[in-house]
Protein backbone atom coordinates (compact mmCIF):
# COMPACT_ATOMS: atom_id res chain seq x y z
CA UNK A 1 91.17 128.45 98.28
CA UNK A 2 90.86 129.28 94.62
CA UNK A 3 87.96 128.16 92.34
CA UNK A 4 87.91 128.32 88.54
CA UNK A 5 84.60 127.78 86.95
CA UNK A 6 84.41 127.34 83.11
CA UNK A 7 81.60 127.57 80.89
CA UNK A 8 80.70 127.71 77.06
CA UNK A 9 81.74 124.43 75.76
CA UNK A 10 79.46 122.25 73.65
CA UNK A 11 78.90 120.57 70.33
CA UNK A 12 79.54 122.59 67.19
CA UNK A 13 79.90 121.76 63.50
CA UNK A 14 83.25 122.18 61.69
CA UNK A 15 83.77 125.87 60.78
CA UNK A 16 81.61 127.05 63.79
CA UNK A 17 82.42 129.15 66.70
CA UNK A 18 82.31 128.85 70.52
CA UNK A 19 83.32 131.18 73.40
CA UNK A 20 84.68 129.85 76.63
CA UNK A 21 84.66 131.59 79.88
CA UNK A 22 86.60 131.12 83.12
CA UNK A 23 85.97 132.92 86.37
CA UNK A 24 88.21 132.81 89.18
CA UNK A 25 87.18 133.45 92.86
CA UNK A 26 88.61 132.92 96.26
CA UNK A 27 92.00 133.85 97.57
CA UNK A 28 93.42 134.61 94.25
CA UNK A 29 96.02 137.47 95.16
CA UNK A 30 98.20 138.73 92.48
CA UNK A 31 97.36 137.14 88.95
CA UNK A 32 100.36 136.44 86.80
CA UNK A 33 98.73 134.70 83.96
CA UNK A 34 95.57 133.01 82.92
CA UNK A 35 94.99 130.61 80.15
CA UNK A 36 93.53 127.72 78.36
CA UNK A 37 94.91 124.19 77.89
CA UNK A 38 93.17 121.28 76.24
CA UNK A 39 93.46 117.43 76.29
CA UNK A 40 92.16 115.18 73.73
CA UNK A 41 91.64 111.42 74.30
CA UNK A 42 94.89 109.49 74.35
CA UNK A 43 97.07 112.70 74.17
CA UNK A 44 98.86 114.87 76.75
CA UNK A 45 97.28 118.22 77.73
CA UNK A 46 98.60 121.10 75.68
CA UNK A 47 98.80 124.87 75.85
CA UNK A 48 96.19 126.51 73.69
CA UNK A 49 96.67 130.28 74.70
CA UNK A 50 97.76 132.31 77.60
CA UNK A 51 97.55 135.97 78.70
CA UNK A 52 99.60 137.58 81.29
CA UNK A 53 99.21 140.42 83.66
CA UNK A 54 100.62 142.89 81.20
CA UNK A 55 98.05 141.71 78.33
CA UNK A 56 100.80 139.85 76.34
CA UNK A 57 99.35 136.62 74.62
CA UNK A 58 100.73 133.32 73.61
CA UNK A 59 98.95 130.78 71.24
CA UNK A 60 99.75 127.40 70.14
CA UNK A 61 100.74 127.37 66.34
CA UNK A 62 97.55 125.16 65.70
CA UNK A 63 95.17 127.79 66.81
CA UNK A 64 96.79 131.03 65.61
CA UNK A 65 94.60 133.22 63.52
CA UNK A 66 91.47 131.43 64.83
CA UNK A 67 91.42 131.57 68.63
CA UNK A 68 91.55 134.72 70.57
CA UNK A 69 92.12 134.94 74.34
CA UNK A 70 91.15 138.00 76.50
CA UNK A 71 90.74 138.93 79.98
CA UNK A 72 88.52 141.06 82.23
CA UNK A 73 90.71 141.96 85.15
CA UNK A 74 87.81 143.49 87.10
CA UNK A 75 85.91 140.31 86.90
CA UNK A 76 88.87 138.01 87.16
CA UNK A 77 87.56 136.20 84.03
CA UNK A 78 89.45 134.92 81.06
CA UNK A 79 87.68 134.12 77.53
CA UNK A 80 88.68 132.13 74.65
CA UNK A 81 86.98 133.02 71.35
CA UNK A 82 87.14 129.97 69.02
CA UNK A 83 86.29 130.57 65.33
CA UNK A 84 86.68 128.38 62.38
CA UNK A 85 86.62 125.19 64.54
CA UNK A 86 88.06 121.94 63.30
CA UNK A 87 87.36 118.37 64.29
CA UNK A 88 91.05 118.21 65.83
CA UNK A 89 90.07 120.99 68.21
CA UNK A 90 87.91 118.45 69.97
CA UNK A 91 89.09 118.12 73.55
CA UNK A 92 88.45 119.02 77.11
CA UNK A 93 89.49 122.60 77.64
CA UNK A 94 90.89 123.54 81.02
CA UNK A 95 91.28 126.92 82.39
CA UNK A 96 94.64 127.73 84.10
CA UNK A 97 95.63 130.47 86.65
CA UNK A 98 99.02 131.35 87.89
CA UNK A 99 98.75 133.53 91.00
CA UNK A 100 100.33 134.38 94.14
CA UNK A 101 98.68 134.79 97.59
CA UNK A 102 100.81 136.03 100.52
CA UNK A 103 103.95 135.57 98.36
CA UNK A 104 103.18 131.90 97.54
CA UNK A 105 102.87 131.40 93.98
CA UNK A 106 100.83 128.40 92.56
CA UNK A 107 99.05 127.06 89.53
CA UNK A 108 95.38 126.20 89.55
CA UNK A 109 92.98 124.50 87.40
CA UNK A 110 89.33 124.38 86.32
CA UNK A 111 87.36 121.27 86.03
CA UNK A 112 87.35 121.22 82.25
CA UNK A 113 84.64 121.92 79.62
CA UNK A 114 84.08 119.56 76.68
CA UNK A 115 84.32 120.80 73.18
CA UNK A 116 83.36 118.78 70.48
CA UNK A 117 83.66 119.56 66.74
CA UNK A 118 81.88 117.48 64.28
CA UNK A 119 82.88 117.07 60.62
């Protein structure tokens, strides 16, 4: 089994910053990518940022220049530094892991952490 535990969400004023963390544990195996998705009320879950095993990153256009994803491979941890937050960034943020254990590749999700940006 794989567990993803997120932390760092909360309430912040517009223009503020938050840092999300996600620690993966259990039968992880080979990590291909880790990342963050978010889901606002009444909307579909969307990609925020990902980082693959080689360190390459992908960002949603709406967060480019404001958010930075990084990873500590030794700790199986992924971070999301969020700066210049806007009310439209309000959502539940989910950690995502794509990994293979004994040649079986799968996607895993955290329980989500709420980020609320007040105007």
